[in-house]
Amino acid sequence: MGARFEEIDRRETDIGLITVRRRFEPTLEVDVYEVKLGDEFLMSSLFTLAETRLAELALTEIAGADDLDVVVGGLGLGYTARAALADPRTRSVRVVEALEAVIEWQERDLLPLASELTSDDRCHLVHGDFFAMVASGATFGPDAPERMHAILVDIDHTPKHLLHPSHAGFYQVGGLERLAARLHPGGVFGLWSDGAPDEDFHTIAESVFSTCVAHTVAFPNFYTGEESSSTVYVATVDQVC
């Protein structure tokens, strides 16, 4: 244990001031890492179950395939990427992150999972705009295949509570159709969302994909003493296009 509070880094970005900090939580006797955009919390190492389940639930839906190529939209603290790498079938994980500072925090070994991600040759941290890549049809980084087995997204708070208005089109029929075209037959799209399932988005996803299930992931909330929950949407494309 070091100091009880440390601001590890802060950067001005196109979407505002982003900071990462570490603080000691005496009740739990753990160091907590938190990422904030302005005054808004984006990520806490206290609450990572849903990010892990995003990868686990999605990859479970892929049957009869090995050597999986996975894209993770949004790096955060790295828990979704780590869970994707834990699947023994995974050949590659490309993590697309719009904020260069977030990638640098991992590369400089400032965060708890940094060494796990940067030492794994299957893991590629790609600086870029995930939503722009989907919209334009660009590959997800150098030497990335045109089609992936799984695309997992953990960027916006919900399909309606966005970090930037330019993301809105992704959650509509056209945006999801462009994403579906980037998946292999039988491939899967996974999306993390804060709070309860959004019926409007679920209906849109069902109109694009062959299946879409909204999983509620409950976890203990240390601050309230009660349970909180997130939603993980898992949608699949047909086995035969």
C-alpha atoms as a PDB file:
ATOM      1  CA  MET A   1       0.000   0.000   0.000  1.00  0.00           C
ATOM      2  CA  GLY A   2       1.314   3.460  -0.920  1.00  0.00           C
ATOM      3  CA  ALA A   3      -0.295   6.839  -0.318  1.00  0.00           C
ATOM      4  CA  ARG A   4      -4.006   6.781   0.467  1.00  0.00           C
ATOM      5  CA  PHE A   5      -4.760   8.903  -2.604  1.00  0.00           C
ATOM      6  CA  GLU A   6      -2.835   9.489  -5.809  1.00  0.00           C
ATOM      7  CA  GLU A   7      -3.855  11.138  -9.065  1.00  0.00           C
ATOM      8  CA  ILE A   8      -1.866   9.072 -11.502  1.00  0.00           C
ATOM      9  CA  ASP A   9      -2.467  11.172 -14.620  1.00  0.00           C
ATOM     10  CA  ARG A  10      -4.759  13.761 -16.161  1.00  0.00           C
ATOM     11  CA  ARG A  11      -5.208  14.746 -19.808  1.00  0.00           C
ATOM     12  CA  GLU A  12      -7.309  17.203 -21.776  1.00  0.00           C
ATOM     13  CA  THR A  13      -9.079  15.373 -24.614  1.00  0.00           C
ATOM     14  CA  ASP A  14     -11.623  16.211 -27.308  1.00  0.00           C
ATOM     15  CA  ILE A  15     -14.406  15.042 -24.977  1.00  0.00           C
ATOM     16  CA  GLY A  16     -13.089  16.744 -21.825  1.00  0.00           C
ATOM     17  CA  LEU A  17     -10.628  16.251 -18.978  1.00  0.00           C
ATOM     18  CA  ILE A  18      -9.896  12.579 -18.291  1.00  0.00           C
ATOM     19  CA  THR A  19      -8.141  11.488 -15.103  1.00  0.00           C
ATOM     20  CA  VAL A  20      -7.045   8.243 -13.527  1.00  0.00           C
ATOM     21  CA  ARG A  21      -6.491   7.946  -9.809  1.00  0.00           C
ATOM     22  CA  ARG A  22      -5.709   5.374  -7.162  1.00  0.00           C
ATOM     23  CA  ARG A  23      -7.095   5.533  -3.636  1.00  0.00           C
ATOM     24  CA  PHE A  24      -6.953   3.164  -0.693  1.00  0.00           C
ATOM     25  CA  GLU A  25     -10.363   1.968   0.488  1.00  0.00           C
ATOM     26  CA  PRO A  26      -9.838   1.219   4.220  1.00  0.00           C
ATOM     27  CA  THR A  27     -13.095  -0.675   4.714  1.00  0.00           C
ATOM     28  CA  LEU A  28     -12.154  -3.243   2.075  1.00  0.00           C
ATOM     29  CA  GLU A  29      -8.395  -2.814   2.525  1.00  0.00           C
ATOM     30  CA  VAL A  30      -7.824  -2.575  -1.236  1.00  0.00           C
ATOM     31  CA  ASP A  31      -6.459  -0.061  -3.687  1.00  0.00           C
ATOM     32  CA  VAL A  32      -9.208   1.217  -5.986  1.00  0.00           C
ATOM     33  CA  TYR A  33      -8.422   2.562  -9.452  1.00  0.00           C
ATOM     34  CA  GLU A  34     -10.906   5.006 -10.951  1.00  0.00           C
ATOM     35  CA  VAL A  35     -11.192   6.731 -14.335  1.00  0.00           C
ATOM     36  CA  LYS A  36     -13.185   9.954 -14.559  1.00  0.00           C
ATOM     37  CA  LEU A  37     -14.309  12.208 -17.391  1.00  0.00           C
ATOM     38  CA  GLY A  38     -14.668  15.591 -15.773  1.00  0.00           C
ATOM     39  CA  ASP A  39     -16.716  14.888 -12.639  1.00  0.00           C
ATOM     40  CA  GLU A  40     -18.293  11.744 -14.114  1.00  0.00           C
ATOM     41  CA  PHE A  41     -17.012   8.276 -13.227  1.00  0.00           C
ATOM     42  CA  LEU A  42     -16.281   6.068 -16.238  1.00  0.00           C
ATOM     43  CA  MET A  43     -14.717   3.044 -14.559  1.00  0.00           C
ATOM     44  CA  SER A  44     -13.835   1.689 -11.135  1.00  0.00           C
ATOM     45  CA  SER A  45     -11.854  -1.408 -10.274  1.00  0.00           C
ATOM     46  CA  LEU A  46     -14.466  -2.079  -7.561  1.00  0.00           C
ATOM     47  CA  PHE A  47     -17.097  -2.856 -10.207  1.00  0.00           C
ATOM     48  CA  THR A  48     -15.752  -5.064 -12.976  1.00  0.00           C
ATOM     49  CA  LEU A  49     -18.008  -8.139 -13.003  1.00  0.00           C
ATOM     50  CA  ALA A  50     -20.202  -6.926 -15.879  1.00  0.00           C
ATOM     51  CA  GLU A  51     -17.158  -6.010 -17.997  1.00  0.00           C
ATOM     52  CA  THR A  52     -15.793  -9.526 -17.493  1.00  0.00           C
ATOM     53  CA  ARG A  53     -19.167 -11.120 -18.187  1.00  0.00           C
ATOM     54  CA  LEU A  54     -19.434  -9.150 -21.420  1.00  0.00           C
ATOM     55  CA  ALA A  55     -16.624 -11.251 -22.888  1.00  0.00           C
ATOM     56  CA  GLU A  56     -17.640 -14.487 -21.204  1.00  0.00           C
ATOM     57  CA  LEU A  57     -21.306 -14.366 -22.239  1.00  0.00           C
ATOM     58  CA  ALA A  58     -20.502 -13.367 -25.799  1.00  0.00           C
ATOM     59  CA  LEU A  59     -17.753 -15.909 -26.464  1.00  0.00           C
ATOM     60  CA  THR A  60     -19.871 -18.698 -24.983  1.00  0.00           C
ATOM     61  CA  GLU A  61     -22.287 -18.181 -27.891  1.00  0.00           C
ATOM     62  CA  ILE A  62     -19.634 -19.014 -30.506  1.00  0.00           C
ATOM     63  CA  ALA A  63     -19.845 -22.713 -31.293  1.00  0.00           C
ATOM     64  CA  GLY A  64     -17.697 -24.870 -33.530  1.00  0.00           C
ATOM     65  CA  ALA A  65     -14.930 -22.301 -34.049  1.00  0.00           C
ATOM     66  CA  ASP A  66     -11.342 -22.052 -32.851  1.00  0.00           C
ATOM     67  CA  ASP A  67      -8.689 -19.399 -33.423  1.00  0.00           C
ATOM     68  CA  LEU A  68     -11.094 -16.615 -32.513  1.00  0.00           C
ATOM     69  CA  ASP A  69     -10.378 -13.037 -33.559  1.00  0.00           C
ATOM     70  CA  VAL A  70     -11.998 -10.598 -31.131  1.00  0.00           C
ATOM     71  CA  VAL A  71     -12.421  -6.816 -31.150  1.00  0.00           C
ATOM     72  CA  VAL A  72     -13.045  -4.882 -27.938  1.00  0.00           C
ATOM     73  CA  GLY A  73     -14.339  -1.356 -28.407  1.00  0.00           C
ATOM     74  CA  GLY A  74     -13.111   0.614 -25.404  1.00  0.00           C
ATOM     75  CA  LEU A  75     -10.109  -0.260 -23.249  1.00  0.00           C
ATOM     76  CA  GLY A  76     -11.003   1.192 -19.843  1.00  0.00           C
ATOM     77  CA  LEU A  77      -9.113  -0.656 -17.126  1.00  0.00           C
ATOM     78  CA  GLY A  78      -8.781  -3.722 -19.361  1.00  0.00           C
ATOM     79  CA  TYR A  79     -11.146  -6.224 -17.729  1.00  0.00           C
ATOM     80  CA  THR A  80     -13.108  -7.087 -20.884  1.00  0.00           C
ATOM     81  CA  ALA A  81      -9.895  -7.596 -22.837  1.00  0.00           C
ATOM     82  CA  ARG A  82      -8.467  -9.836 -20.113  1.00  0.00           C
ATOM     83  CA  ALA A  83     -11.616 -11.982 -20.085  1.00  0.00           C
ATOM     84  CA  ALA A  84     -11.476 -12.356 -23.870  1.00  0.00           C
ATOM     85  CA  LEU A  85      -7.832 -13.440 -23.673  1.00  0.00           C
ATOM     86  CA  ALA A  86      -8.744 -16.015 -21.014  1.00  0.00           C
ATOM     87  CA  ASP A  87     -10.797 -18.013 -23.526  1.00  0.00           C
ATOM     88  CA  PRO A  88      -8.414 -20.750 -24.766  1.00  0.00           C
ATOM     89  CA  ARG A  89      -9.817 -20.428 -28.306  1.00  0.00           C
ATOM     90  CA  THR A  90      -8.791 -16.780 -28.636  1.00  0.00           C
ATOM     91  CA  ARG A  91      -6.176 -16.101 -31.319  1.00  0.00           C
ATOM     92  CA  SER A  92      -6.200 -12.307 -31.204  1.00  0.00           C
ATOM     93  CA  VAL A  93      -7.777  -9.436 -29.299  1.00  0.00           C
ATOM     94  CA  ARG A  94      -7.704  -5.967 -30.790  1.00  0.00           C
ATOM     95  CA  VAL A  95      -8.722  -3.294 -28.314  1.00  0.00           C
ATOM     96  CA  VAL A  96      -9.753  -0.066 -30.043  1.00  0.00           C
ATOM     97  CA  GLU A  97      -9.475   3.006 -27.805  1.00  0.00           C
ATOM     98  CA  ALA A  98     -10.112   6.591 -28.910  1.00  0.00           C
ATOM     99  CA  LEU A  99      -8.161   8.221 -26.067  1.00  0.00           C
ATOM    100  CA  GLU A 100      -4.425   7.822 -26.476  1.00  0.00           C
ATOM    101  CA  ALA A 101      -3.857   8.499 -22.774  1.00  0.00           C
ATOM    102  CA  VAL A 102      -5.828   5.382 -21.812  1.00  0.00           C
ATOM    103  CA  ILE A 103      -3.533   3.243 -23.961  1.00  0.00           C
ATOM    104  CA  GLU A 104      -0.464   4.934 -22.514  1.00  0.00           C
ATOM    105  CA  TRP A 105      -1.603   4.122 -18.974  1.00  0.00           C
ATOM    106  CA  GLN A 106      -1.461   0.443 -19.869  1.00  0.00           C
ATOM    107  CA  GLU A 107       1.810   0.714 -21.786  1.00  0.00           C
ATOM    108  CA  ARG A 108       3.430   2.568 -18.862  1.00  0.00           C
ATOM    109  CA  ASP A 109       2.242  -0.148 -16.434  1.00  0.00           C
ATOM    110  CA  LEU A 110       0.221   2.310 -14.355  1.00  0.00           C
ATOM    111  CA  LEU A 111      -2.859   0.110 -13.951  1.00  0.00           C
ATOM    112  CA  PRO A 112      -3.462  -3.277 -12.279  1.00  0.00           C
ATOM    113  CA  LEU A 113      -3.905  -5.369 -15.456  1.00  0.00           C
ATOM    114  CA  ALA A 114      -1.323  -3.556 -17.569  1.00  0.00           C
ATOM    115  CA  SER A 115       1.390  -6.207 -17.543  1.00  0.00           C
ATOM    116  CA  GLU A 116      -1.135  -8.977 -18.344  1.00  0.00           C
ATOM    117  CA  LEU A 117      -2.308  -7.158 -21.453  1.00  0.00           C
ATOM    118  CA  THR A 118       0.959  -5.771 -22.764  1.00  0.00           C
ATOM    119  CA  SER A 119       2.900  -9.015 -22.265  1.00  0.00           C
ATOM    120  CA  ASP A 120       0.371 -11.115 -24.217  1.00  0.00           C
ATOM    121  CA  ASP A 121       1.331 -11.265 -27.902  1.00  0.00           C
ATOM    122  CA  ARG A 122      -2.314 -11.878 -28.818  1.00  0.00           C
ATOM    123  CA  CYS A 123      -3.364  -8.480 -27.439  1.00  0.00           C
ATOM    124  CA  HIS A 124      -3.084  -5.391 -29.663  1.00  0.00           C
ATOM    125  CA  LEU A 125      -3.943  -1.934 -28.314  1.00  0.00           C
ATOM    126  CA  VAL A 126      -5.180   0.166 -31.238  1.00  0.00           C
ATOM    127  CA  HIS A 127      -5.519   3.947 -31.042  1.00  0.00           C
ATOM    128  CA  GLY A 128      -8.592   4.876 -33.062  1.00  0.00           C
ATOM    129  CA  ASP A 129     -12.285   5.756 -33.125  1.00  0.00           C
ATOM    130  CA  PHE A 130     -14.213   2.493 -32.943  1.00  0.00           C
ATOM    131  CA  PHE A 131     -17.458   4.046 -34.170  1.00  0.00           C
ATOM    132  CA  ALA A 132     -15.739   5.684 -37.150  1.00  0.00           C
ATOM    133  CA  MET A 133     -14.130   2.352 -38.058  1.00  0.00           C
ATOM    134  CA  VAL A 134     -17.513   0.647 -38.084  1.00  0.00           C
ATOM    135  CA  ALA A 135     -19.127   3.455 -40.076  1.00  0.00           C
ATOM    136  CA  SER A 136     -16.375   3.550 -42.713  1.00  0.00           C
ATOM    137  CA  GLY A 137     -15.689  -0.174 -42.965  1.00  0.00           C
ATOM    138  CA  ALA A 138     -12.044   0.325 -41.956  1.00  0.00           C
ATOM    139  CA  THR A 139     -10.254  -2.620 -40.381  1.00  0.00           C
ATOM    140  CA  PHE A 140      -9.734  -2.599 -36.641  1.00  0.00           C
ATOM    141  CA  GLY A 141      -6.039  -1.776 -36.746  1.00  0.00           C
ATOM    142  CA  PRO A 142      -3.023  -2.855 -38.815  1.00  0.00           C
ATOM    143  CA  ASP A 143      -3.180  -6.410 -40.214  1.00  0.00           C
ATOM    144  CA  ALA A 144      -6.627  -6.983 -38.689  1.00  0.00           C
ATOM    145  CA  PRO A 145      -8.886  -9.374 -40.617  1.00  0.00           C
ATOM    146  CA  GLU A 146     -11.894  -7.915 -42.382  1.00  0.00           C
ATOM    147  CA  ARG A 147     -14.264 -10.114 -40.369  1.00  0.00           C
ATOM    148  CA  MET A 148     -14.139 -10.965 -36.701  1.00  0.00           C
ATOM    149  CA  HIS A 149     -15.671 -13.727 -34.614  1.00  0.00           C
ATOM    150  CA  ALA A 150     -16.742 -11.366 -31.814  1.00  0.00           C
ATOM    151  CA  ILE A 151     -17.073  -7.611 -31.414  1.00  0.00           C
ATOM    152  CA  LEU A 152     -17.514  -6.456 -27.808  1.00  0.00           C
ATOM    153  CA  VAL A 153     -18.335  -2.834 -26.989  1.00  0.00           C
ATOM    154  CA  ASP A 154     -17.951  -1.041 -23.666  1.00  0.00           C
ATOM    155  CA  ILE A 155     -17.751   2.674 -24.426  1.00  0.00           C
ATOM    156  CA  ASP A 156     -20.968   4.599 -23.765  1.00  0.00           C
ATOM    157  CA  HIS A 157     -22.937   4.402 -20.529  1.00  0.00           C
ATOM    158  CA  THR A 158     -26.027   3.134 -22.376  1.00  0.00           C
ATOM    159  CA  PRO A 159     -27.336   3.252 -25.967  1.00  0.00           C
ATOM    160  CA  LYS A 160     -28.966   6.565 -25.041  1.00  0.00           C
ATOM    161  CA  HIS A 161     -26.513   7.985 -22.478  1.00  0.00           C
ATOM    162  CA  LEU A 162     -23.575   8.650 -24.786  1.00  0.00           C
ATOM    163  CA  LEU A 163     -20.094  10.004 -24.209  1.00  0.00           C
ATOM    164  CA  HIS A 164     -20.425  11.937 -27.482  1.00  0.00           C
ATOM    165  CA  PRO A 165     -23.446  12.666 -29.729  1.00  0.00           C
ATOM    166  CA  SER A 166     -21.584  11.312 -32.773  1.00  0.00           C
ATOM    167  CA  HIS A 167     -21.973   7.781 -31.371  1.00  0.00           C
ATOM    168  CA  ALA A 168     -25.773   7.824 -31.690  1.00  0.00           C
ATOM    169  CA  GLY A 169     -25.961   6.361 -35.195  1.00  0.00           C
ATOM    170  CA  PHE A 170     -24.165   3.196 -34.127  1.00  0.00           C
ATOM    171  CA  TYR A 171     -27.145   2.148 -31.997  1.00  0.00           C
ATOM    172  CA  GLN A 172     -29.639   2.464 -34.850  1.00  0.00           C
ATOM    173  CA  VAL A 173     -30.461  -0.099 -37.533  1.00  0.00           C
ATOM    174  CA  GLY A 174     -27.900   1.190 -40.031  1.00  0.00           C
ATOM    175  CA  GLY A 175     -25.076   1.210 -37.504  1.00  0.00           C
ATOM    176  CA  LEU A 176     -25.789  -2.291 -36.273  1.00  0.00           C
ATOM    177  CA  GLU A 177     -26.112  -3.569 -39.848  1.00  0.00           C
ATOM    178  CA  ARG A 178     -22.654  -2.229 -40.633  1.00  0.00           C
ATOM    179  CA  LEU A 179     -21.297  -3.941 -37.515  1.00  0.00           C
ATOM    180  CA  ALA A 180     -23.036  -7.232 -38.327  1.00  0.00           C
ATOM    181  CA  ALA A 181     -21.367  -7.206 -41.738  1.00  0.00           C
ATOM    182  CA  ARG A 182     -17.998  -7.259 -39.968  1.00  0.00           C
ATOM    183  CA  LEU A 183     -18.721 -10.596 -38.270  1.00  0.00           C
ATOM    184  CA  HIS A 184     -18.140 -14.127 -39.491  1.00  0.00           C
ATOM    185  CA  PRO A 185     -21.241 -16.309 -39.936  1.00  0.00           C
ATOM    186  CA  GLY A 186     -22.154 -17.405 -36.420  1.00  0.00           C
ATOM    187  CA  GLY A 187     -20.293 -14.433 -34.981  1.00  0.00           C
ATOM    188  CA  VAL A 188     -21.427 -12.457 -31.967  1.00  0.00           C
ATOM    189  CA  PHE A 189     -21.875  -8.831 -30.920  1.00  0.00           C
ATOM    190  CA  GLY A 190     -21.731  -8.009 -27.210  1.00  0.00           C
ATOM    191  CA  LEU A 191     -22.584  -4.674 -25.605  1.00  0.00           C
ATOM    192  CA  TRP A 192     -22.219  -3.486 -22.003  1.00  0.00           C
ATOM    193  CA  SER A 193     -24.789  -1.006 -20.739  1.00  0.00           C
ATOM    194  CA  ASP A 194     -25.301   0.549 -17.325  1.00  0.00           C
ATOM    195  CA  GLY A 195     -28.575  -0.174 -15.594  1.00  0.00           C
ATOM    196  CA  ALA A 196     -31.678  -2.031 -16.800  1.00  0.00           C
ATOM    197  CA  PRO A 197     -32.295  -3.331 -20.345  1.00  0.00           C
ATOM    198  CA  ASP A 198     -33.408  -0.747 -22.893  1.00  0.00           C
ATOM    199  CA  GLU A 199     -36.457  -2.121 -24.737  1.00  0.00           C
ATOM    200  CA  ASP A 200     -36.039   0.262 -27.671  1.00  0.00           C
ATOM    201  CA  PHE A 201     -32.460  -0.800 -28.322  1.00  0.00           C
ATOM    202  CA  HIS A 202     -33.308  -4.465 -27.792  1.00  0.00           C
ATOM    203  CA  THR A 203     -36.009  -4.216 -30.463  1.00  0.00           C
ATOM    204  CA  ILE A 204     -33.584  -2.578 -32.902  1.00  0.00           C
ATOM    205  CA  ALA A 205     -30.945  -5.248 -32.275  1.00  0.00           C
ATOM    206  CA  GLU A 206     -33.484  -8.046 -32.774  1.00  0.00           C
ATOM    207  CA  SER A 207     -34.383  -6.561 -36.172  1.00  0.00           C
ATOM    208  CA  VAL A 208     -30.741  -6.766 -37.315  1.00  0.00           C
ATOM    209  CA  PHE A 209     -29.384  -9.936 -35.702  1.00  0.00           C
ATOM    210  CA  SER A 210     -30.765 -13.460 -35.747  1.00  0.00           C
ATOM    211  CA  THR A 211     -30.884 -13.471 -31.931  1.00  0.00           C
ATOM    212  CA  CYS A 212     -30.429 -10.894 -29.185  1.00  0.00           C
ATOM    213  CA  VAL A 213     -30.569 -11.597 -25.449  1.00  0.00           C
ATOM    214  CA  ALA A 214     -30.330  -8.950 -22.729  1.00  0.00           C
ATOM    215  CA  HIS A 215     -28.568 -10.435 -19.699  1.00  0.00           C
ATOM    216  CA  THR A 216     -28.894  -8.694 -16.333  1.00  0.00           C
ATOM    217  CA  VAL A 217     -25.604  -8.896 -14.432  1.00  0.00           C
ATOM    218  CA  ALA A 218     -26.075  -8.170 -10.726  1.00  0.00           C
ATOM    219  CA  PHE A 219     -23.226  -7.343  -8.383  1.00  0.00           C
ATOM    220  CA  PRO A 220     -22.859  -6.111  -4.793  1.00  0.00           C
ATOM    221  CA  ASN A 221     -22.563  -2.355  -4.462  1.00  0.00           C
ATOM    222  CA  PHE A 222     -20.180  -1.519  -1.636  1.00  0.00           C
ATOM    223  CA  TYR A 223     -21.390   2.092  -1.449  1.00  0.00           C
ATOM    224  CA  THR A 224     -25.132   1.358  -1.090  1.00  0.00           C
ATOM    225  CA  GLY A 225     -24.934  -1.988   0.676  1.00  0.00           C
ATOM    226  CA  GLU A 226     -27.376  -3.352  -1.905  1.00  0.00           C
ATOM    227  CA  GLU A 227     -27.200  -4.964  -5.341  1.00  0.00           C
ATOM    228  CA  SER A 228     -26.656  -2.974  -8.504  1.00  0.00           C
ATOM    229  CA  SER A 229     -26.874  -4.292 -12.038  1.00  0.00           C
ATOM    230  CA  SER A 230     -25.714  -3.736 -15.582  1.00  0.00           C
ATOM    231  CA  THR A 231     -27.011  -5.166 -18.848  1.00  0.00           C
ATOM    232  CA  VAL A 232     -24.999  -7.241 -21.305  1.00  0.00           C
ATOM    233  CA  TYR A 233     -26.613  -7.608 -24.728  1.00  0.00           C
ATOM    234  CA  VAL A 234     -25.464 -10.632 -26.733  1.00  0.00           C
ATOM    235  CA  ALA A 235     -26.542 -10.773 -30.374  1.00  0.00           C
ATOM    236  CA  THR A 236     -25.602 -13.356 -33.000  1.00  0.00           C
ATOM    237  CA  VAL A 237     -25.579 -13.461 -36.791  1.00  0.00           C
ATOM    238  CA  ASP A 238     -26.755 -16.452 -38.779  1.00  0.00           C
ATOM    239  CA  GLN A 239     -24.377 -19.342 -39.291  1.00  0.00           C
ATOM    240  CA  VAL A 240     -24.841 -19.073 -43.062  1.00  0.00           C
ATOM    241  CA  CYS A 241     -24.922 -15.669 -44.744  1.00  0.00           C
END
